[in-house]
Amino acid sequence: MAALDWFANDVAAPQVRPRPRAAPRPRAEGRRLRGGIVWISLFAVLLVGVVAVNVAVLRANMALNNLNQQQLQLESQNQTLASQVSSAGSSLRIEQAAHRLGLVPAQAADTSYLDLAHK
């Protein structure tokens, strides 16, 4: 067990000579500054690239939206035209047009078949 020395403060402590410090190396401030500029430039280029990609995607989405609107308009026109063709070809409309021209349906008893194979 270590003994407690009550009079240690009265006794001179051994002198510890400080180590001689090496002369500080001159820091390359220019190099550090250039390195910082390089990193800032790199991040700026990266951010400009991200913005450019976002703008390109936005333009593509706008073009796609315009194409979708055109597609819906064309489908609507196709449905309208199909309805007009269907109504123009209906038998009731054709019968009414024939009646306006003075045509009448033939009687079933007045019709006969003609065989063209026997002359």
N, C-alpha and C. Protein backbone atom coordinates (compact mmCIF):
# COMPACT_ATOMS: atom_id res chain seq x y z
N MET A 1 0.83 -1.15 0.00
CA MET A 1 0.00 0.00 0.00
C MET A 1 0.89 1.23 0.00
N ALA A 2 0.48 2.21 -0.78
CA ALA A 2 1.32 3.39 -0.92
C ALA A 2 1.13 4.29 0.29
N ALA A 3 2.22 4.85 0.73
CA ALA A 3 2.16 5.74 1.89
C ALA A 3 1.84 7.14 1.41
N LEU A 4 1.12 7.82 2.24
CA LEU A 4 0.72 9.17 1.92
C LEU A 4 1.80 10.11 2.42
N ASP A 5 2.31 10.91 1.55
CA ASP A 5 3.38 11.83 1.92
C ASP A 5 2.77 13.19 2.19
N TRP A 6 2.73 13.54 3.48
CA TRP A 6 2.12 14.81 3.87
C TRP A 6 3.00 15.99 3.54
N PHE A 7 4.22 15.77 3.37
CA PHE A 7 5.15 16.87 3.14
C PHE A 7 5.64 16.92 1.70
N ALA A 8 4.88 16.34 0.82
CA ALA A 8 5.30 16.30 -0.58
C ALA A 8 5.35 17.68 -1.19
N ASN A 9 4.51 18.60 -0.74
CA ASN A 9 4.51 19.94 -1.31
C ASN A 9 5.78 20.70 -0.91
N ASP A 10 6.33 20.35 0.26
CA ASP A 10 7.52 21.05 0.71
C ASP A 10 8.76 20.61 -0.07
N VAL A 11 8.74 19.42 -0.57
CA VAL A 11 9.89 18.91 -1.29
C VAL A 11 9.74 19.32 -2.74
N ALA A 12 10.81 19.77 -3.31
CA ALA A 12 10.77 20.23 -4.70
C ALA A 12 10.55 19.05 -5.62
N ALA A 13 9.64 19.23 -6.51
CA ALA A 13 9.34 18.19 -7.50
C ALA A 13 10.43 18.18 -8.54
N PRO A 14 10.73 17.03 -9.06
CA PRO A 14 11.76 16.98 -10.08
C PRO A 14 11.32 17.79 -11.30
N GLN A 15 12.26 18.50 -11.84
CA GLN A 15 11.98 19.35 -12.99
C GLN A 15 11.88 18.50 -14.25
N VAL A 16 10.74 18.64 -14.90
CA VAL A 16 10.53 17.95 -16.18
C VAL A 16 10.70 19.00 -17.26
N ARG A 17 11.68 18.73 -18.07
CA ARG A 17 11.92 19.69 -19.13
C ARG A 17 10.94 19.42 -20.28
N PRO A 18 10.31 20.47 -20.73
CA PRO A 18 9.38 20.25 -21.84
C PRO A 18 10.14 19.84 -23.09
N ARG A 19 9.49 18.99 -23.83
CA ARG A 19 10.11 18.55 -25.08
C ARG A 19 10.18 19.71 -26.03
N PRO A 20 11.23 19.77 -26.74
CA PRO A 20 11.28 20.83 -27.75
C PRO A 20 10.28 20.50 -28.85
N ARG A 21 9.46 21.44 -29.14
CA ARG A 21 8.45 21.22 -30.17
C ARG A 21 9.08 21.44 -31.54
N ALA A 22 8.61 20.59 -32.43
CA ALA A 22 9.09 20.74 -33.80
C ALA A 22 8.46 21.99 -34.38
N ALA A 23 9.19 22.61 -35.19
CA ALA A 23 8.67 23.83 -35.82
C ALA A 23 7.44 23.45 -36.63
N PRO A 24 6.35 24.19 -36.47
CA PRO A 24 5.14 23.83 -37.22
C PRO A 24 5.39 23.95 -38.71
N ARG A 25 4.88 22.94 -39.38
CA ARG A 25 5.04 22.95 -40.83
C ARG A 25 4.14 24.01 -41.41
N PRO A 26 4.60 24.70 -42.35
CA PRO A 26 3.73 25.70 -42.97
C PRO A 26 2.61 24.98 -43.71
N ARG A 27 1.40 25.39 -43.45
CA ARG A 27 0.25 24.76 -44.10
C ARG A 27 0.10 25.32 -45.50
N ALA A 28 -0.32 24.44 -46.33
CA ALA A 28 -0.51 24.85 -47.72
C ALA A 28 -1.92 25.42 -47.83
N GLU A 29 -2.07 26.67 -47.51
CA GLU A 29 -3.39 27.32 -47.56
C GLU A 29 -3.92 27.35 -48.98
N GLY A 30 -3.06 27.57 -49.92
CA GLY A 30 -3.49 27.60 -51.31
C GLY A 30 -4.07 26.26 -51.74
N ARG A 31 -3.43 25.19 -51.30
CA ARG A 31 -3.90 23.85 -51.64
C ARG A 31 -5.25 23.57 -51.02
N ARG A 32 -5.43 23.95 -49.77
CA ARG A 32 -6.70 23.74 -49.10
C ARG A 32 -7.80 24.56 -49.76
N LEU A 33 -7.45 25.77 -50.14
CA LEU A 33 -8.42 26.65 -50.78
C LEU A 33 -8.83 26.08 -52.13
N ARG A 34 -7.85 25.61 -52.88
CA ARG A 34 -8.17 25.01 -54.18
C ARG A 34 -9.01 23.76 -54.02
N GLY A 35 -8.72 22.97 -53.01
CA GLY A 35 -9.53 21.77 -52.76
C GLY A 35 -10.97 22.12 -52.44
N GLY A 36 -11.18 23.16 -51.65
CA GLY A 36 -12.54 23.60 -51.33
C GLY A 36 -13.27 24.10 -52.56
N ILE A 37 -12.55 24.83 -53.40
CA ILE A 37 -13.17 25.33 -54.63
C ILE A 37 -13.56 24.18 -55.53
N VAL A 38 -12.70 23.15 -55.58
CA VAL A 38 -13.01 21.98 -56.41
C VAL A 38 -14.28 21.31 -55.91
N TRP A 39 -14.41 21.12 -54.60
CA TRP A 39 -15.60 20.45 -54.05
C TRP A 39 -16.86 21.28 -54.28
N ILE A 40 -16.75 22.60 -54.07
CA ILE A 40 -17.91 23.46 -54.30
C ILE A 40 -18.31 23.42 -55.77
N SER A 41 -17.33 23.45 -56.66
CA SER A 41 -17.63 23.38 -58.09
C SER A 41 -18.27 22.05 -58.45
N LEU A 42 -17.76 20.97 -57.87
CA LEU A 42 -18.32 19.64 -58.13
C LEU A 42 -19.78 19.56 -57.68
N PHE A 43 -20.07 20.07 -56.49
CA PHE A 43 -21.45 20.06 -56.01
C PHE A 43 -22.34 20.96 -56.85
N ALA A 44 -21.81 22.10 -57.32
CA ALA A 44 -22.60 23.00 -58.16
C ALA A 44 -22.94 22.31 -59.48
N VAL A 45 -21.97 21.62 -60.07
CA VAL A 45 -22.22 20.90 -61.32
C VAL A 45 -23.24 19.79 -61.09
N LEU A 46 -23.14 19.11 -59.97
CA LEU A 46 -24.08 18.04 -59.64
C LEU A 46 -25.50 18.60 -59.49
N LEU A 47 -25.64 19.71 -58.81
CA LEU A 47 -26.96 20.32 -58.64
C LEU A 47 -27.52 20.82 -59.97
N VAL A 48 -26.68 21.38 -60.81
CA VAL A 48 -27.15 21.81 -62.13
C VAL A 48 -27.62 20.61 -62.93
N GLY A 49 -26.92 19.50 -62.83
CA GLY A 49 -27.34 18.28 -63.52
C GLY A 49 -28.68 17.78 -63.02
N VAL A 50 -28.88 17.81 -61.71
CA VAL A 50 -30.17 17.36 -61.14
C VAL A 50 -31.30 18.26 -61.62
N VAL A 51 -31.06 19.56 -61.64
CA VAL A 51 -32.09 20.50 -62.12
C VAL A 51 -32.39 20.24 -63.59
N ALA A 52 -31.36 20.00 -64.39
CA ALA A 52 -31.56 19.74 -65.81
C ALA A 52 -32.38 18.47 -66.02
N VAL A 53 -32.10 17.44 -65.25
CA VAL A 53 -32.88 16.19 -65.37
C VAL A 53 -34.33 16.44 -64.98
N ASN A 54 -34.56 17.21 -63.91
CA ASN A 54 -35.93 17.51 -63.49
C ASN A 54 -36.68 18.29 -64.55
N VAL A 55 -36.02 19.24 -65.19
CA VAL A 55 -36.66 20.01 -66.25
C VAL A 55 -37.00 19.11 -67.43
N ALA A 56 -36.10 18.20 -67.78
CA ALA A 56 -36.36 17.27 -68.89
C ALA A 56 -37.55 16.37 -68.57
N VAL A 57 -37.62 15.88 -67.35
CA VAL A 57 -38.75 15.02 -66.95
C VAL A 57 -40.05 15.81 -66.98
N LEU A 58 -40.01 17.07 -66.53
CA LEU A 58 -41.20 17.90 -66.55
C LEU A 58 -41.69 18.13 -67.98
N ARG A 59 -40.76 18.41 -68.88
CA ARG A 59 -41.15 18.60 -70.28
C ARG A 59 -41.74 17.32 -70.87
N ALA A 60 -41.15 16.18 -70.55
CA ALA A 60 -41.67 14.91 -71.05
C ALA A 60 -43.08 14.65 -70.51
N ASN A 61 -43.31 14.97 -69.25
CA ASN A 61 -44.64 14.79 -68.66
C ASN A 61 -45.66 15.72 -69.31
N MET A 62 -45.25 16.95 -69.62
CA MET A 62 -46.17 17.87 -70.29
C MET A 62 -46.52 17.37 -71.69
N ALA A 63 -45.53 16.87 -72.41
CA ALA A 63 -45.79 16.33 -73.74
C ALA A 63 -46.70 15.11 -73.66
N LEU A 64 -46.48 14.27 -72.67
CA LEU A 64 -47.32 13.08 -72.49
C LEU A 64 -48.75 13.49 -72.15
N ASN A 65 -48.91 14.52 -71.33
CA ASN A 65 -50.25 15.01 -70.99
C ASN A 65 -50.96 15.53 -72.24
N ASN A 66 -50.25 16.28 -73.08
CA ASN A 66 -50.85 16.77 -74.32
C ASN A 66 -51.26 15.62 -75.24
N LEU A 67 -50.42 14.60 -75.32
CA LEU A 67 -50.75 13.44 -76.16
C LEU A 67 -51.98 12.70 -75.61
N ASN A 68 -52.08 12.60 -74.29
CA ASN A 68 -53.25 11.94 -73.70
C ASN A 68 -54.53 12.72 -74.00
N GLN A 69 -54.46 14.06 -73.95
CA GLN A 69 -55.62 14.87 -74.28
C GLN A 69 -56.02 14.69 -75.74
N GLN A 70 -55.04 14.66 -76.63
CA GLN A 70 -55.33 14.43 -78.05
C GLN A 70 -55.96 13.06 -78.26
N GLN A 71 -55.46 12.07 -77.54
CA GLN A 71 -56.01 10.72 -77.66
C GLN A 71 -57.47 10.69 -77.23
N LEU A 72 -57.79 11.36 -76.13
CA LEU A 72 -59.18 11.41 -75.68
C LEU A 72 -60.07 12.12 -76.70
N GLN A 73 -59.59 13.21 -77.30
CA GLN A 73 -60.37 13.92 -78.32
C GLN A 73 -60.60 13.05 -79.54
N LEU A 74 -59.58 12.33 -79.98
CA LEU A 74 -59.71 11.47 -81.15
C LEU A 74 -60.66 10.30 -80.87
N GLU A 75 -60.60 9.74 -79.68
CA GLU A 75 -61.53 8.66 -79.32
C GLU A 75 -62.97 9.17 -79.32
N SER A 76 -63.17 10.39 -78.82
CA SER A 76 -64.50 10.98 -78.82
C SER A 76 -64.99 11.20 -80.25
N GLN A 77 -64.12 11.69 -81.13
CA GLN A 77 -64.49 11.88 -82.53
C GLN A 77 -64.81 10.55 -83.20
N ASN A 78 -64.01 9.52 -82.89
CA ASN A 78 -64.27 8.20 -83.47
C ASN A 78 -65.63 7.67 -83.03
N GLN A 79 -65.97 7.88 -81.77
CA GLN A 79 -67.28 7.41 -81.29
C GLN A 79 -68.41 8.17 -81.98
N THR A 80 -68.23 9.48 -82.18
CA THR A 80 -69.25 10.28 -82.86
C THR A 80 -69.40 9.82 -84.30
N LEU A 81 -68.29 9.60 -85.00
CA LEU A 81 -68.34 9.14 -86.39
C LEU A 81 -68.94 7.74 -86.49
N ALA A 82 -68.61 6.87 -85.57
CA ALA A 82 -69.18 5.52 -85.58
C ALA A 82 -70.69 5.58 -85.39
N SER A 83 -71.15 6.49 -84.52
CA SER A 83 -72.59 6.65 -84.31
C SER A 83 -73.26 7.18 -85.58
N GLN A 84 -72.62 8.13 -86.27
CA GLN A 84 -73.18 8.66 -87.50
C GLN A 84 -73.24 7.60 -88.59
N VAL A 85 -72.20 6.78 -88.69
CA VAL A 85 -72.20 5.70 -89.69
C VAL A 85 -73.28 4.69 -89.36
N SER A 86 -73.44 4.38 -88.09
CA SER A 86 -74.45 3.42 -87.69
C SER A 86 -75.86 3.93 -88.00
N SER A 87 -76.09 5.20 -87.71
CA SER A 87 -77.43 5.73 -87.97
C SER A 87 -77.66 5.90 -89.48
N ALA A 88 -76.60 6.21 -90.24
CA ALA A 88 -76.76 6.36 -91.69
C ALA A 88 -77.06 5.03 -92.35
N GLY A 89 -76.57 3.96 -91.80
CA GLY A 89 -76.78 2.65 -92.41
C GLY A 89 -77.98 1.89 -91.85
N SER A 90 -78.75 2.51 -90.99
CA SER A 90 -79.88 1.78 -90.39
C SER A 90 -80.97 1.55 -91.43
N SER A 91 -81.67 0.45 -91.31
CA SER A 91 -82.71 0.10 -92.29
C SER A 91 -83.88 1.06 -92.22
N LEU A 92 -84.20 1.59 -91.05
CA LEU A 92 -85.30 2.53 -90.92
C LEU A 92 -85.01 3.81 -91.70
N ARG A 93 -83.80 4.31 -91.63
CA ARG A 93 -83.43 5.53 -92.35
C ARG A 93 -83.47 5.29 -93.85
N ILE A 94 -82.97 4.14 -94.29
CA ILE A 94 -82.97 3.82 -95.72
C ILE A 94 -84.41 3.68 -96.22
N GLU A 95 -85.27 3.06 -95.43
CA GLU A 95 -86.68 2.90 -95.81
C GLU A 95 -87.36 4.27 -95.93
N GLN A 96 -87.07 5.18 -94.99
CA GLN A 96 -87.66 6.52 -95.05
C GLN A 96 -87.16 7.28 -96.27
N ALA A 97 -85.88 7.17 -96.59
CA ALA A 97 -85.33 7.84 -97.78
C ALA A 97 -85.97 7.28 -99.05
N ALA A 98 -86.18 5.98 -99.11
CA ALA A 98 -86.82 5.36 -100.28
C ALA A 98 -88.27 5.81 -100.39
N HIS A 99 -88.97 5.92 -99.30
CA HIS A 99 -90.36 6.35 -99.32
C HIS A 99 -90.46 7.80 -99.81
N ARG A 100 -89.51 8.67 -99.45
CA ARG A 100 -89.50 10.06 -99.94
C ARG A 100 -89.28 10.11 -101.44
N LEU A 101 -88.54 9.13 -101.96
CA LEU A 101 -88.29 9.09 -103.40
C LEU A 101 -89.44 8.43 -104.17
N GLY A 102 -90.44 7.95 -103.45
CA GLY A 102 -91.60 7.35 -104.11
C GLY A 102 -91.49 5.84 -104.27
N LEU A 103 -90.53 5.23 -103.68
CA LEU A 103 -90.39 3.78 -103.76
C LEU A 103 -91.23 3.12 -102.69
N VAL A 104 -91.79 1.98 -103.02
CA VAL A 104 -92.60 1.23 -102.06
C VAL A 104 -92.06 -0.19 -102.00
N PRO A 105 -92.25 -0.87 -100.87
CA PRO A 105 -91.78 -2.26 -100.79
C PRO A 105 -92.58 -3.16 -101.73
N ALA A 106 -91.93 -4.14 -102.28
CA ALA A 106 -92.58 -5.10 -103.17
C ALA A 106 -93.40 -6.08 -102.35
N GLN A 107 -94.52 -6.52 -102.95
CA GLN A 107 -95.36 -7.51 -102.28
C GLN A 107 -94.65 -8.87 -102.33
N ALA A 108 -94.82 -9.63 -101.29
CA ALA A 108 -94.14 -10.92 -101.22
C ALA A 108 -94.66 -11.87 -102.30
N ALA A 109 -95.91 -11.75 -102.70
CA ALA A 109 -96.48 -12.65 -103.73
C ALA A 109 -95.96 -12.28 -105.11
N ASP A 110 -95.54 -11.06 -105.30
CA ASP A 110 -95.08 -10.61 -106.61
C ASP A 110 -93.60 -10.92 -106.87
N THR A 111 -92.93 -11.48 -105.94
CA THR A 111 -91.49 -11.74 -106.11
C THR A 111 -91.29 -13.16 -106.56
N SER A 112 -90.26 -13.37 -107.36
CA SER A 112 -89.90 -14.71 -107.81
C SER A 112 -88.39 -14.77 -107.96
N TYR A 113 -87.89 -15.97 -108.08
CA TYR A 113 -86.47 -16.18 -108.22
C TYR A 113 -86.15 -16.49 -109.67
N LEU A 114 -85.06 -16.04 -110.15
CA LEU A 114 -84.60 -16.28 -111.50
C LEU A 114 -83.37 -17.14 -111.44
N ASP A 115 -83.38 -18.26 -112.10
CA ASP A 115 -82.25 -19.17 -112.10
C ASP A 115 -81.44 -18.87 -113.35
N LEU A 116 -80.25 -18.34 -113.18
CA LEU A 116 -79.43 -17.97 -114.30
C LEU A 116 -78.59 -19.13 -114.84
N ALA A 117 -78.58 -20.21 -114.17
CA ALA A 117 -77.79 -21.36 -114.62
C ALA A 117 -78.45 -22.03 -115.83
N HIS A 118 -79.79 -22.00 -115.95
CA HIS A 118 -80.50 -22.63 -117.07
C HIS A 118 -80.98 -21.57 -118.00
N LYS A 119 -80.50 -21.57 -119.21
CA LYS A 119 -80.92 -20.59 -120.19
C LYS A 119 -81.84 -21.16 -121.18
